[in-house]
N, C-alpha and C. Protein backbone atom coordinates (compact mmCIF):
# COMPACT_ATOMS: atom_id res chain seq x y z
N MET A 1 134.37 128.35 83.90
CA MET A 1 134.06 128.26 85.33
C MET A 1 134.63 126.98 85.94
N LEU A 2 134.48 125.86 85.23
CA LEU A 2 135.01 124.59 85.72
C LEU A 2 136.52 124.65 85.84
N ARG A 3 137.16 125.25 84.82
CA ARG A 3 138.62 125.36 84.85
C ARG A 3 139.07 126.19 86.04
N ALA A 4 138.35 127.29 86.28
CA ALA A 4 138.71 128.15 87.41
C ALA A 4 138.52 127.41 88.72
N HIS A 5 137.46 126.59 88.81
CA HIS A 5 137.22 125.84 90.04
C HIS A 5 138.33 124.82 90.29
N LEU A 6 138.75 124.16 89.21
CA LEU A 6 139.82 123.17 89.36
C LEU A 6 141.13 123.82 89.75
N GLU A 7 141.38 125.02 89.18
CA GLU A 7 142.63 125.68 89.49
C GLU A 7 142.67 126.18 90.93
N LYS A 8 141.49 126.50 91.47
CA LYS A 8 141.46 127.01 92.84
C LYS A 8 141.03 125.97 93.85
N GLY A 9 140.56 124.82 93.37
CA GLY A 9 140.00 123.82 94.25
C GLY A 9 141.01 122.83 94.77
N PRO A 10 140.52 121.68 95.25
CA PRO A 10 141.40 120.69 95.87
C PRO A 10 142.40 120.06 94.91
N LEU A 11 142.06 119.98 93.60
CA LEU A 11 143.02 119.39 92.66
C LEU A 11 144.27 120.26 92.55
N ARG A 12 144.10 121.56 92.63
CA ARG A 12 145.26 122.46 92.58
C ARG A 12 146.17 122.18 93.76
N ARG A 13 145.60 122.03 94.95
CA ARG A 13 146.42 121.75 96.12
C ARG A 13 147.02 120.36 96.05
N LEU A 14 146.24 119.41 95.50
CA LEU A 14 146.69 118.01 95.43
C LEU A 14 147.93 117.87 94.56
N PHE A 15 147.97 118.58 93.44
CA PHE A 15 149.06 118.43 92.50
C PHE A 15 150.13 119.51 92.65
N GLY A 16 150.10 120.15 93.79
CA GLY A 16 151.23 121.00 94.12
C GLY A 16 151.06 122.48 93.87
N ARG A 17 149.96 122.92 93.30
CA ARG A 17 149.74 124.34 93.06
C ARG A 17 148.99 124.93 94.26
N ARG A 18 149.73 125.29 95.26
CA ARG A 18 149.11 125.68 96.51
C ARG A 18 148.33 126.98 96.37
N SER A 19 147.09 126.98 96.85
CA SER A 19 146.30 128.20 96.96
C SER A 19 146.15 128.61 98.43
N ASN A 20 146.74 127.84 99.32
CA ASN A 20 146.66 128.11 100.75
C ASN A 20 148.03 127.81 101.34
N GLU A 21 148.62 128.81 101.99
CA GLU A 21 149.96 128.63 102.53
C GLU A 21 150.00 127.59 103.64
N LEU A 22 148.84 127.31 104.23
CA LEU A 22 148.81 126.29 105.28
C LEU A 22 148.79 124.87 104.72
N TRP A 23 148.58 124.75 103.43
CA TRP A 23 148.55 123.43 102.79
C TRP A 23 149.99 123.02 102.51
N ARG A 24 150.47 122.03 103.28
CA ARG A 24 151.88 121.65 103.24
C ARG A 24 152.10 120.49 102.28
N ALA A 25 153.39 120.24 101.99
CA ALA A 25 153.74 119.12 101.11
C ALA A 25 153.25 117.79 101.68
N ALA A 26 153.33 117.66 102.99
CA ALA A 26 152.85 116.43 103.63
C ALA A 26 151.35 116.25 103.44
N ASP A 27 150.60 117.37 103.46
CA ASP A 27 149.16 117.29 103.25
C ASP A 27 148.84 116.82 101.84
N ARG A 28 149.59 117.33 100.85
CA ARG A 28 149.37 116.87 99.48
C ARG A 28 149.70 115.39 99.32
N MET A 29 150.82 114.97 99.92
CA MET A 29 151.20 113.56 99.81
C MET A 29 150.19 112.67 100.51
N ARG A 30 149.66 113.14 101.65
CA ARG A 30 148.65 112.36 102.36
C ARG A 30 147.39 112.21 101.51
N SER A 31 147.00 113.29 100.83
CA SER A 31 145.82 113.22 99.95
C SER A 31 146.04 112.25 98.81
N ARG A 32 147.24 112.21 98.27
CA ARG A 32 147.53 111.29 97.18
C ARG A 32 147.45 109.84 97.63
N TRP A 33 147.95 109.58 98.83
CA TRP A 33 147.86 108.22 99.36
C TRP A 33 146.41 107.81 99.59
N ILE A 34 145.59 108.74 100.06
CA ILE A 34 144.17 108.45 100.29
C ILE A 34 143.46 108.17 98.96
N ILE A 35 143.80 108.94 97.94
CA ILE A 35 143.21 108.68 96.62
C ILE A 35 143.65 107.33 96.09
N ALA A 36 144.93 106.98 96.30
CA ALA A 36 145.42 105.67 95.88
C ALA A 36 144.66 104.55 96.59
N PHE A 37 144.37 104.77 97.87
CA PHE A 37 143.62 103.77 98.62
C PHE A 37 142.20 103.64 98.10
N ALA A 38 141.60 104.79 97.69
CA ALA A 38 140.25 104.75 97.14
C ALA A 38 140.20 104.04 95.79
N LEU A 39 141.27 104.17 95.01
CA LEU A 39 141.31 103.53 93.69
C LEU A 39 141.71 102.06 93.77
N ALA A 40 142.29 101.65 94.89
CA ALA A 40 142.79 100.27 95.01
C ALA A 40 141.69 99.22 94.80
N PRO A 41 140.47 99.37 95.36
CA PRO A 41 139.44 98.36 95.10
C PRO A 41 139.08 98.21 93.63
N ILE A 42 139.08 99.34 92.90
CA ILE A 42 138.76 99.26 91.46
C ILE A 42 139.84 98.48 90.73
N LEU A 43 141.10 98.79 91.04
CA LEU A 43 142.20 98.06 90.42
C LEU A 43 142.19 96.59 90.84
N ALA A 44 141.80 96.33 92.09
CA ALA A 44 141.74 94.95 92.57
C ALA A 44 140.68 94.16 91.81
N VAL A 45 139.53 94.80 91.53
CA VAL A 45 138.48 94.13 90.77
C VAL A 45 138.96 93.82 89.35
N LEU A 46 139.60 94.80 88.71
CA LEU A 46 140.11 94.57 87.35
C LEU A 46 141.14 93.45 87.34
N CYS A 47 142.01 93.44 88.33
CA CYS A 47 143.02 92.38 88.43
C CYS A 47 142.36 91.03 88.65
N ALA A 48 141.34 90.98 89.51
CA ALA A 48 140.65 89.72 89.78
C ALA A 48 139.95 89.20 88.53
N VAL A 49 139.30 90.11 87.79
CA VAL A 49 138.62 89.68 86.56
C VAL A 49 139.62 89.14 85.55
N ALA A 50 140.75 89.84 85.40
CA ALA A 50 141.76 89.39 84.43
C ALA A 50 142.31 88.02 84.79
N ILE A 51 142.62 87.83 86.07
CA ILE A 51 143.18 86.54 86.49
C ILE A 51 142.12 85.45 86.40
N GLY A 52 140.88 85.77 86.80
CA GLY A 52 139.81 84.79 86.69
C GLY A 52 139.59 84.34 85.26
N MET A 53 139.60 85.28 84.31
CA MET A 53 139.43 84.93 82.91
C MET A 53 140.60 84.11 82.40
N ALA A 54 141.82 84.47 82.83
CA ALA A 54 142.99 83.70 82.40
C ALA A 54 142.92 82.26 82.91
N VAL A 55 142.52 82.10 84.18
CA VAL A 55 142.38 80.75 84.73
C VAL A 55 141.28 79.99 84.01
N TRP A 56 140.16 80.66 83.72
CA TRP A 56 139.05 80.02 83.01
C TRP A 56 139.50 79.51 81.65
N ASN A 57 140.20 80.36 80.89
CA ASN A 57 140.68 79.94 79.57
C ASN A 57 141.66 78.78 79.67
N THR A 58 142.54 78.83 80.68
CA THR A 58 143.49 77.73 80.86
C THR A 58 142.78 76.44 81.23
N GLU A 59 141.81 76.54 82.12
CA GLU A 59 141.07 75.35 82.54
C GLU A 59 140.25 74.77 81.38
N ILE A 60 139.63 75.64 80.60
CA ILE A 60 138.85 75.16 79.45
C ILE A 60 139.75 74.43 78.45
N THR A 61 140.91 75.03 78.18
CA THR A 61 141.84 74.40 77.24
C THR A 61 142.32 73.05 77.77
N GLY A 62 142.67 73.01 79.07
CA GLY A 62 143.12 71.76 79.65
C GLY A 62 142.03 70.70 79.69
N ALA A 63 140.79 71.13 79.99
CA ALA A 63 139.68 70.18 80.04
C ALA A 63 139.37 69.61 78.66
N HIS A 64 139.48 70.46 77.65
CA HIS A 64 139.24 69.97 76.29
C HIS A 64 140.29 68.95 75.89
N ALA A 65 141.56 69.26 76.18
CA ALA A 65 142.63 68.31 75.84
C ALA A 65 142.47 67.01 76.62
N GLU A 66 142.04 67.13 77.87
CA GLU A 66 141.85 65.94 78.70
C GLU A 66 140.68 65.10 78.22
N SER A 67 139.62 65.77 77.76
CA SER A 67 138.43 65.04 77.32
C SER A 67 138.71 64.17 76.09
N LEU A 68 139.74 64.52 75.32
CA LEU A 68 140.08 63.72 74.15
C LEU A 68 140.60 62.34 74.54
N HIS A 69 141.04 62.22 75.80
CA HIS A 69 141.60 60.94 76.26
C HIS A 69 140.75 60.32 77.37
N ARG A 70 139.53 60.79 77.53
CA ARG A 70 138.58 60.20 78.46
C ARG A 70 137.41 59.64 77.67
N HIS A 71 137.00 58.42 78.01
CA HIS A 71 135.95 57.75 77.25
C HIS A 71 134.92 57.19 78.22
N ARG A 72 133.68 57.36 77.87
CA ARG A 72 132.57 56.89 78.69
C ARG A 72 132.09 55.54 78.14
N VAL A 73 132.15 54.50 78.97
CA VAL A 73 131.76 53.16 78.54
C VAL A 73 130.74 52.58 79.52
N SER A 74 129.98 51.62 79.03
CA SER A 74 129.02 50.90 79.87
C SER A 74 129.70 49.67 80.46
N ALA A 75 129.53 49.47 81.75
CA ALA A 75 130.14 48.33 82.44
C ALA A 75 129.05 47.55 83.18
N THR A 76 129.36 46.29 83.47
CA THR A 76 128.41 45.40 84.15
C THR A 76 128.98 44.97 85.48
N THR A 77 128.19 45.10 86.53
CA THR A 77 128.65 44.68 87.85
C THR A 77 128.60 43.16 87.95
N VAL A 78 129.66 42.57 88.52
CA VAL A 78 129.74 41.11 88.68
C VAL A 78 129.87 40.73 90.16
N GLY A 79 129.74 41.70 91.02
CA GLY A 79 129.82 41.44 92.45
C GLY A 79 128.84 42.33 93.20
N GLU A 80 128.60 41.97 94.45
CA GLU A 80 127.66 42.75 95.25
C GLU A 80 128.23 44.11 95.60
N THR A 81 127.33 45.05 95.77
CA THR A 81 127.73 46.41 96.12
C THR A 81 128.17 46.46 97.58
N VAL A 82 129.30 47.10 97.82
CA VAL A 82 129.84 47.25 99.18
C VAL A 82 129.83 48.73 99.53
N ARG A 83 129.17 49.06 100.62
CA ARG A 83 129.11 50.45 101.04
C ARG A 83 130.28 50.79 101.95
N ALA A 84 130.90 51.93 101.67
CA ALA A 84 132.02 52.40 102.48
C ALA A 84 131.50 53.23 103.65
N PRO A 85 132.29 53.38 104.72
CA PRO A 85 131.88 54.25 105.83
C PRO A 85 131.67 55.68 105.35
N PRO A 86 130.83 56.45 106.02
CA PRO A 86 130.60 57.85 105.62
C PRO A 86 131.90 58.65 105.65
N GLU A 87 132.01 59.59 104.73
CA GLU A 87 133.17 60.47 104.71
C GLU A 87 133.13 61.40 105.91
N PRO A 88 134.26 61.55 106.64
CA PRO A 88 134.27 62.43 107.82
C PRO A 88 133.93 63.88 107.47
N SER A 89 134.30 64.32 106.27
CA SER A 89 134.13 65.74 105.93
C SER A 89 132.69 66.11 105.63
N ASN A 90 131.95 65.22 104.94
CA ASN A 90 130.59 65.58 104.54
C ASN A 90 129.55 64.53 104.90
N GLY A 91 129.96 63.40 105.47
CA GLY A 91 129.01 62.37 105.89
C GLY A 91 128.38 61.59 104.75
N VAL A 92 128.90 61.74 103.51
CA VAL A 92 128.34 61.04 102.36
C VAL A 92 128.87 59.61 102.31
N ARG A 93 127.94 58.66 102.10
CA ARG A 93 128.33 57.26 101.98
C ARG A 93 128.52 56.94 100.49
N THR A 94 129.61 56.24 100.19
CA THR A 94 129.88 55.80 98.83
C THR A 94 129.80 54.28 98.77
N ALA A 95 129.67 53.77 97.54
CA ALA A 95 129.59 52.32 97.34
C ALA A 95 130.45 51.93 96.15
N THR A 96 130.96 50.72 96.18
CA THR A 96 131.77 50.19 95.09
C THR A 96 131.33 48.77 94.77
N ALA A 97 131.71 48.32 93.58
CA ALA A 97 131.38 46.95 93.18
C ALA A 97 132.38 46.49 92.13
N GLN A 98 132.63 45.18 92.09
CA GLN A 98 133.45 44.62 91.03
C GLN A 98 132.68 44.74 89.70
N THR A 99 133.37 45.29 88.72
CA THR A 99 132.71 45.60 87.45
C THR A 99 133.61 45.20 86.29
N VAL A 100 133.01 44.81 85.18
CA VAL A 100 133.78 44.46 83.98
C VAL A 100 133.30 45.32 82.82
N TRP A 101 134.24 45.62 81.92
CA TRP A 101 133.91 46.38 80.72
C TRP A 101 134.95 46.07 79.64
N GLU A 102 134.66 46.49 78.45
CA GLU A 102 135.58 46.30 77.34
C GLU A 102 135.90 47.63 76.69
N TYR A 103 137.22 47.95 76.66
CA TYR A 103 137.70 49.13 75.94
C TYR A 103 139.22 49.04 75.85
N PRO A 104 139.80 49.23 74.69
CA PRO A 104 139.14 49.23 73.37
C PRO A 104 138.43 47.89 73.09
N SER A 105 137.89 47.78 71.95
CA SER A 105 137.12 46.58 71.61
C SER A 105 137.94 45.32 71.85
N SER A 106 137.28 44.31 72.47
CA SER A 106 137.88 42.99 72.77
C SER A 106 138.94 43.05 73.86
N HIS A 107 139.12 44.21 74.52
CA HIS A 107 140.04 44.29 75.65
C HIS A 107 139.19 44.36 76.92
N ARG A 108 139.20 43.27 77.66
CA ARG A 108 138.33 43.15 78.83
C ARG A 108 139.07 43.66 80.08
N HIS A 109 138.36 44.43 80.87
CA HIS A 109 138.93 44.98 82.11
C HIS A 109 138.01 44.65 83.27
N ARG A 110 138.62 44.48 84.43
CA ARG A 110 137.86 44.18 85.64
C ARG A 110 138.46 44.98 86.79
N ASP A 111 137.60 45.68 87.50
CA ASP A 111 138.09 46.52 88.60
C ASP A 111 136.92 46.87 89.50
N ARG A 112 137.26 47.30 90.73
CA ARG A 112 136.23 47.78 91.65
C ARG A 112 136.10 49.28 91.45
N VAL A 113 134.90 49.72 91.11
CA VAL A 113 134.68 51.12 90.79
C VAL A 113 133.49 51.64 91.60
N PRO A 114 133.38 52.96 91.76
CA PRO A 114 132.22 53.54 92.46
C PRO A 114 130.94 53.29 91.67
N VAL A 115 129.88 52.92 92.38
CA VAL A 115 128.58 52.67 91.76
C VAL A 115 127.49 53.21 92.68
N PRO A 116 126.29 53.43 92.16
CA PRO A 116 125.17 53.80 93.04
C PRO A 116 124.94 52.71 94.09
N ALA A 117 124.50 53.13 95.27
CA ALA A 117 124.39 52.19 96.39
C ALA A 117 123.38 51.08 96.14
N ASP A 118 122.38 51.29 95.29
CA ASP A 118 121.34 50.29 95.06
C ASP A 118 121.58 49.48 93.78
N THR A 119 122.81 49.47 93.27
CA THR A 119 123.09 48.74 92.02
C THR A 119 123.10 47.23 92.28
N PRO A 120 122.29 46.45 91.58
CA PRO A 120 122.27 44.99 91.78
C PRO A 120 123.38 44.32 90.99
N VAL A 121 123.63 43.05 91.30
CA VAL A 121 124.58 42.26 90.53
C VAL A 121 124.04 42.11 89.10
N GLY A 122 124.88 42.34 88.11
CA GLY A 122 124.44 42.31 86.73
C GLY A 122 123.89 43.62 86.23
N GLY A 123 123.92 44.64 87.07
CA GLY A 123 123.43 45.95 86.66
C GLY A 123 124.43 46.66 85.76
N THR A 124 123.96 47.65 85.07
CA THR A 124 124.80 48.42 84.15
C THR A 124 125.10 49.79 84.75
N VAL A 125 126.39 50.15 84.72
CA VAL A 125 126.84 51.45 85.23
C VAL A 125 127.74 52.09 84.19
N VAL A 126 127.93 53.39 84.35
CA VAL A 126 128.81 54.14 83.45
C VAL A 126 130.19 54.28 84.10
N VAL A 127 131.22 53.99 83.33
CA VAL A 127 132.60 54.09 83.81
C VAL A 127 133.38 54.95 82.83
N TRP A 128 134.17 55.88 83.38
CA TRP A 128 135.08 56.67 82.56
C TRP A 128 136.44 55.99 82.54
N VAL A 129 137.01 55.84 81.34
CA VAL A 129 138.30 55.15 81.19
C VAL A 129 139.22 56.01 80.33
N ASP A 130 140.54 55.70 80.41
CA ASP A 130 141.51 56.39 79.57
C ASP A 130 141.70 55.64 78.26
N ASP A 131 142.68 56.03 77.48
CA ASP A 131 142.88 55.42 76.17
C ASP A 131 143.22 53.93 76.27
N ALA A 132 143.82 53.54 77.40
CA ALA A 132 144.17 52.13 77.58
C ALA A 132 143.04 51.31 78.17
N GLY A 133 141.92 51.96 78.49
CA GLY A 133 140.79 51.24 79.07
C GLY A 133 140.78 51.18 80.58
N ARG A 134 141.75 51.85 81.23
CA ARG A 134 141.79 51.85 82.69
C ARG A 134 140.80 52.86 83.26
N GLU A 135 140.17 52.49 84.37
CA GLU A 135 139.19 53.38 85.00
C GLU A 135 139.86 54.66 85.47
N THR A 136 139.21 55.80 85.23
CA THR A 136 139.77 57.10 85.59
C THR A 136 138.63 58.04 85.97
N ALA A 137 138.99 59.24 86.39
CA ALA A 137 137.97 60.22 86.79
C ALA A 137 137.30 60.83 85.57
N ALA A 138 136.09 61.27 85.75
CA ALA A 138 135.36 61.94 84.67
C ALA A 138 135.96 63.31 84.41
N PRO A 139 135.84 63.81 83.20
CA PRO A 139 136.33 65.18 82.92
C PRO A 139 135.62 66.19 83.81
N PRO A 140 136.31 67.26 84.19
CA PRO A 140 135.66 68.26 85.04
C PRO A 140 134.48 68.92 84.33
N SER A 141 133.45 69.20 85.10
CA SER A 141 132.27 69.84 84.53
C SER A 141 132.48 71.35 84.41
N GLY A 142 131.57 71.99 83.68
CA GLY A 142 131.66 73.44 83.52
C GLY A 142 131.55 74.17 84.85
N SER A 143 130.73 73.67 85.76
CA SER A 143 130.59 74.33 87.07
C SER A 143 131.88 74.21 87.88
N GLU A 144 132.57 73.08 87.76
CA GLU A 144 133.84 72.93 88.47
C GLU A 144 134.90 73.88 87.91
N LEU A 145 134.92 74.02 86.60
CA LEU A 145 135.87 74.96 85.99
C LEU A 145 135.55 76.39 86.40
N ALA A 146 134.27 76.73 86.42
CA ALA A 146 133.87 78.08 86.83
C ALA A 146 134.23 78.34 88.29
N SER A 147 134.05 77.34 89.14
CA SER A 147 134.39 77.50 90.56
C SER A 147 135.88 77.75 90.73
N THR A 148 136.70 77.04 89.95
CA THR A 148 138.14 77.25 90.03
C THR A 148 138.52 78.66 89.60
N ALA A 149 137.91 79.13 88.50
CA ALA A 149 138.20 80.48 88.01
C ALA A 149 137.75 81.54 89.02
N VAL A 150 136.56 81.36 89.59
CA VAL A 150 136.07 82.33 90.58
C VAL A 150 136.95 82.34 91.81
N ALA A 151 137.37 81.17 92.27
CA ALA A 151 138.25 81.10 93.43
C ALA A 151 139.57 81.82 93.17
N ALA A 152 140.11 81.65 91.96
CA ALA A 152 141.35 82.34 91.62
C ALA A 152 141.14 83.85 91.60
N GLY A 153 140.01 84.30 91.05
CA GLY A 153 139.73 85.73 91.02
C GLY A 153 139.56 86.32 92.41
N VAL A 154 138.84 85.60 93.27
CA VAL A 154 138.65 86.08 94.65
C VAL A 154 139.98 86.15 95.39
N ALA A 155 140.82 85.13 95.20
CA ALA A 155 142.13 85.14 95.85
C ALA A 155 142.98 86.30 95.35
N ALA A 156 142.94 86.56 94.04
CA ALA A 156 143.70 87.69 93.49
C ALA A 156 143.20 89.02 94.04
N PHE A 157 141.87 89.16 94.15
CA PHE A 157 141.31 90.39 94.71
C PHE A 157 141.77 90.59 96.15
N ALA A 158 141.72 89.53 96.95
CA ALA A 158 142.11 89.64 98.36
C ALA A 158 143.58 90.01 98.49
N VAL A 159 144.44 89.35 97.70
CA VAL A 159 145.87 89.63 97.79
C VAL A 159 146.17 91.07 97.36
N PHE A 160 145.57 91.50 96.25
CA PHE A 160 145.82 92.86 95.75
C PHE A 160 145.31 93.89 96.74
N ALA A 161 144.08 93.70 97.25
CA ALA A 161 143.49 94.68 98.16
C ALA A 161 144.28 94.78 99.46
N LEU A 162 144.65 93.62 100.02
CA LEU A 162 145.42 93.64 101.26
C LEU A 162 146.80 94.24 101.05
N SER A 163 147.43 93.92 99.93
CA SER A 163 148.75 94.49 99.65
C SER A 163 148.66 96.00 99.48
N ALA A 164 147.64 96.45 98.74
CA ALA A 164 147.47 97.89 98.54
C ALA A 164 147.21 98.59 99.88
N GLY A 165 146.37 97.97 100.72
CA GLY A 165 146.11 98.56 102.02
C GLY A 165 147.37 98.66 102.87
N GLY A 166 148.20 97.62 102.82
CA GLY A 166 149.45 97.66 103.58
C GLY A 166 150.40 98.73 103.08
N VAL A 167 150.51 98.86 101.75
CA VAL A 167 151.40 99.87 101.17
C VAL A 167 150.91 101.27 101.52
N VAL A 168 149.60 101.51 101.41
CA VAL A 168 149.05 102.83 101.74
C VAL A 168 149.25 103.15 103.21
N ARG A 169 149.03 102.16 104.06
CA ARG A 169 149.22 102.41 105.50
C ARG A 169 150.67 102.75 105.80
N LEU A 170 151.60 102.03 105.18
CA LEU A 170 153.01 102.33 105.40
C LEU A 170 153.36 103.71 104.88
N GLY A 171 152.80 104.07 103.70
CA GLY A 171 153.07 105.39 103.15
C GLY A 171 152.53 106.50 104.04
N LEU A 172 151.33 106.32 104.58
CA LEU A 172 150.76 107.34 105.46
C LEU A 172 151.57 107.47 106.75
N ARG A 173 152.05 106.37 107.28
CA ARG A 173 152.88 106.44 108.49
C ARG A 173 154.17 107.21 108.22
N ARG A 174 154.78 106.99 107.06
CA ARG A 174 156.00 107.71 106.73
C ARG A 174 155.71 109.20 106.54
N VAL A 175 154.57 109.51 105.91
CA VAL A 175 154.19 110.91 105.74
C VAL A 175 153.99 111.58 107.10
N ASP A 176 153.29 110.89 108.02
CA ASP A 176 153.06 111.45 109.35
C ASP A 176 154.37 111.66 110.09
N ALA A 177 155.29 110.69 109.97
CA ALA A 177 156.57 110.81 110.65
C ALA A 177 157.35 112.02 110.12
N ARG A 178 157.37 112.19 108.80
CA ARG A 178 158.07 113.33 108.22
C ARG A 178 157.40 114.64 108.60
N SER A 179 156.06 114.63 108.64
CA SER A 179 155.34 115.85 108.99
C SER A 179 155.65 116.27 110.43
N LEU A 180 155.66 115.30 111.35
CA LEU A 180 155.97 115.62 112.73
C LEU A 180 157.40 116.12 112.88
N ALA A 181 158.32 115.50 112.13
CA ALA A 181 159.71 115.96 112.20
C ALA A 181 159.84 117.38 111.66
N GLU A 182 159.11 117.70 110.59
CA GLU A 182 159.15 119.04 110.03
C GLU A 182 158.55 120.07 110.97
N TRP A 183 157.42 119.70 111.60
CA TRP A 183 156.82 120.59 112.58
C TRP A 183 157.79 120.83 113.75
N GLY A 184 158.51 119.80 114.17
CA GLY A 184 159.45 119.95 115.27
C GLY A 184 160.58 120.91 114.93
N ARG A 185 161.11 120.78 113.69
CA ARG A 185 162.19 121.68 113.28
C ARG A 185 161.69 123.13 113.20
N GLU A 186 160.50 123.32 112.67
CA GLU A 186 159.96 124.68 112.57
C GLU A 186 159.65 125.26 113.94
N TRP A 187 159.20 124.41 114.84
CA TRP A 187 158.90 124.89 116.19
C TRP A 187 160.16 125.33 116.91
N GLU A 188 161.25 124.65 116.66
CA GLU A 188 162.51 125.06 117.28
C GLU A 188 162.93 126.45 116.82
N LEU A 189 162.56 126.81 115.58
CA LEU A 189 162.89 128.14 115.08
C LEU A 189 161.92 129.20 115.59
N VAL A 190 160.66 128.85 115.74
CA VAL A 190 159.63 129.83 116.10
C VAL A 190 159.49 130.01 117.61
N GLU A 191 159.67 128.91 118.37
CA GLU A 191 159.34 128.94 119.81
C GLU A 191 160.10 129.99 120.59
N PRO A 192 161.42 130.22 120.38
CA PRO A 192 162.10 131.25 121.19
C PRO A 192 161.49 132.64 121.00
N HIS A 193 161.13 132.98 119.78
CA HIS A 193 160.53 134.29 119.55
C HIS A 193 159.09 134.33 120.06
N TRP A 194 158.35 133.28 119.85
CA TRP A 194 156.94 133.26 120.26
C TRP A 194 156.80 133.28 121.78
N SER A 195 157.68 132.55 122.48
CA SER A 195 157.57 132.49 123.94
C SER A 195 158.23 133.67 124.65
N GLY A 196 159.02 134.45 123.92
CA GLY A 196 159.68 135.60 124.53
C GLY A 196 161.06 135.31 125.07
N ARG A 197 161.52 134.06 125.00
CA ARG A 197 162.85 133.75 125.52
C ARG A 197 163.93 134.51 124.77
N GLU A 198 163.70 134.74 123.48
CA GLU A 198 164.70 135.44 122.68
C GLU A 198 164.85 136.89 123.14
N ARG A 199 163.71 137.54 123.55
CA ARG A 199 163.75 138.93 124.00
C ARG A 199 164.34 139.05 125.39
N ARG A 200 164.06 138.05 126.25
CA ARG A 200 164.58 138.11 127.61
C ARG A 200 166.07 137.86 127.65
N GLY A 201 166.57 137.10 126.69
CA GLY A 201 167.99 136.83 126.65
C GLY A 201 168.33 135.64 127.54
N PRO A 202 169.52 135.09 127.33
CA PRO A 202 169.94 133.93 128.12
C PRO A 202 170.11 134.28 129.57
N GLY A 203 169.71 133.41 130.43
CA GLY A 203 169.87 133.55 131.87
C GLY A 203 168.80 134.38 132.53
N ALA A 204 167.84 134.90 131.74
CA ALA A 204 166.79 135.72 132.35
C ALA A 204 165.83 134.82 133.10
N GLU A 205 165.31 135.30 134.23
CA GLU A 205 164.39 134.51 135.02
C GLU A 205 163.01 134.58 134.41
N GLU A 206 162.37 133.44 134.44
CA GLU A 206 161.00 133.38 133.93
C GLU A 206 160.02 133.78 135.02
N ASP A 207 158.92 134.40 134.60
CA ASP A 207 157.91 134.80 135.58
C ASP A 207 157.20 133.58 136.13
């Protein structure tokens, strides 16, 4: 019963086995484009997941390699804390202070680094340094890596979905244009007989 339904149903018309003479090639092509458009979000999700996972793995590998050359050391402030103006983007105030630390052993470094706003002179703060002991940024956290991967996945989904929508729209427009042209050619063949002009003959007066 299922086989008979498929052979007589919409799948038969979709794949070219016409059960209705009014079902034209353009109608089948239009149905295929619509199905492609319906499947596009699923493919976009799969593409987004694949790209997001690839970015996640790349970021994890890079963060691990980077962490091998980042070192967390304790430093001592030797100057008063200076507060910077609020950031225009988020209004957050930052503070810095002259700080000293040793890394590697017996190698003394002095620099102005970010510190909590209430850090007193002689206070202890944490500083991230590279292999040479120079102050550097902390390794990215897991949440930052996840945000990067999610952003890449969302961007991939948007690009794929929009591209698929554009391709389907262009395909449907071409199908419609061909369908109208085909209808026009067929009408030119049918109209003289249907309207009676063929029976009246050339030069006959119309009622």
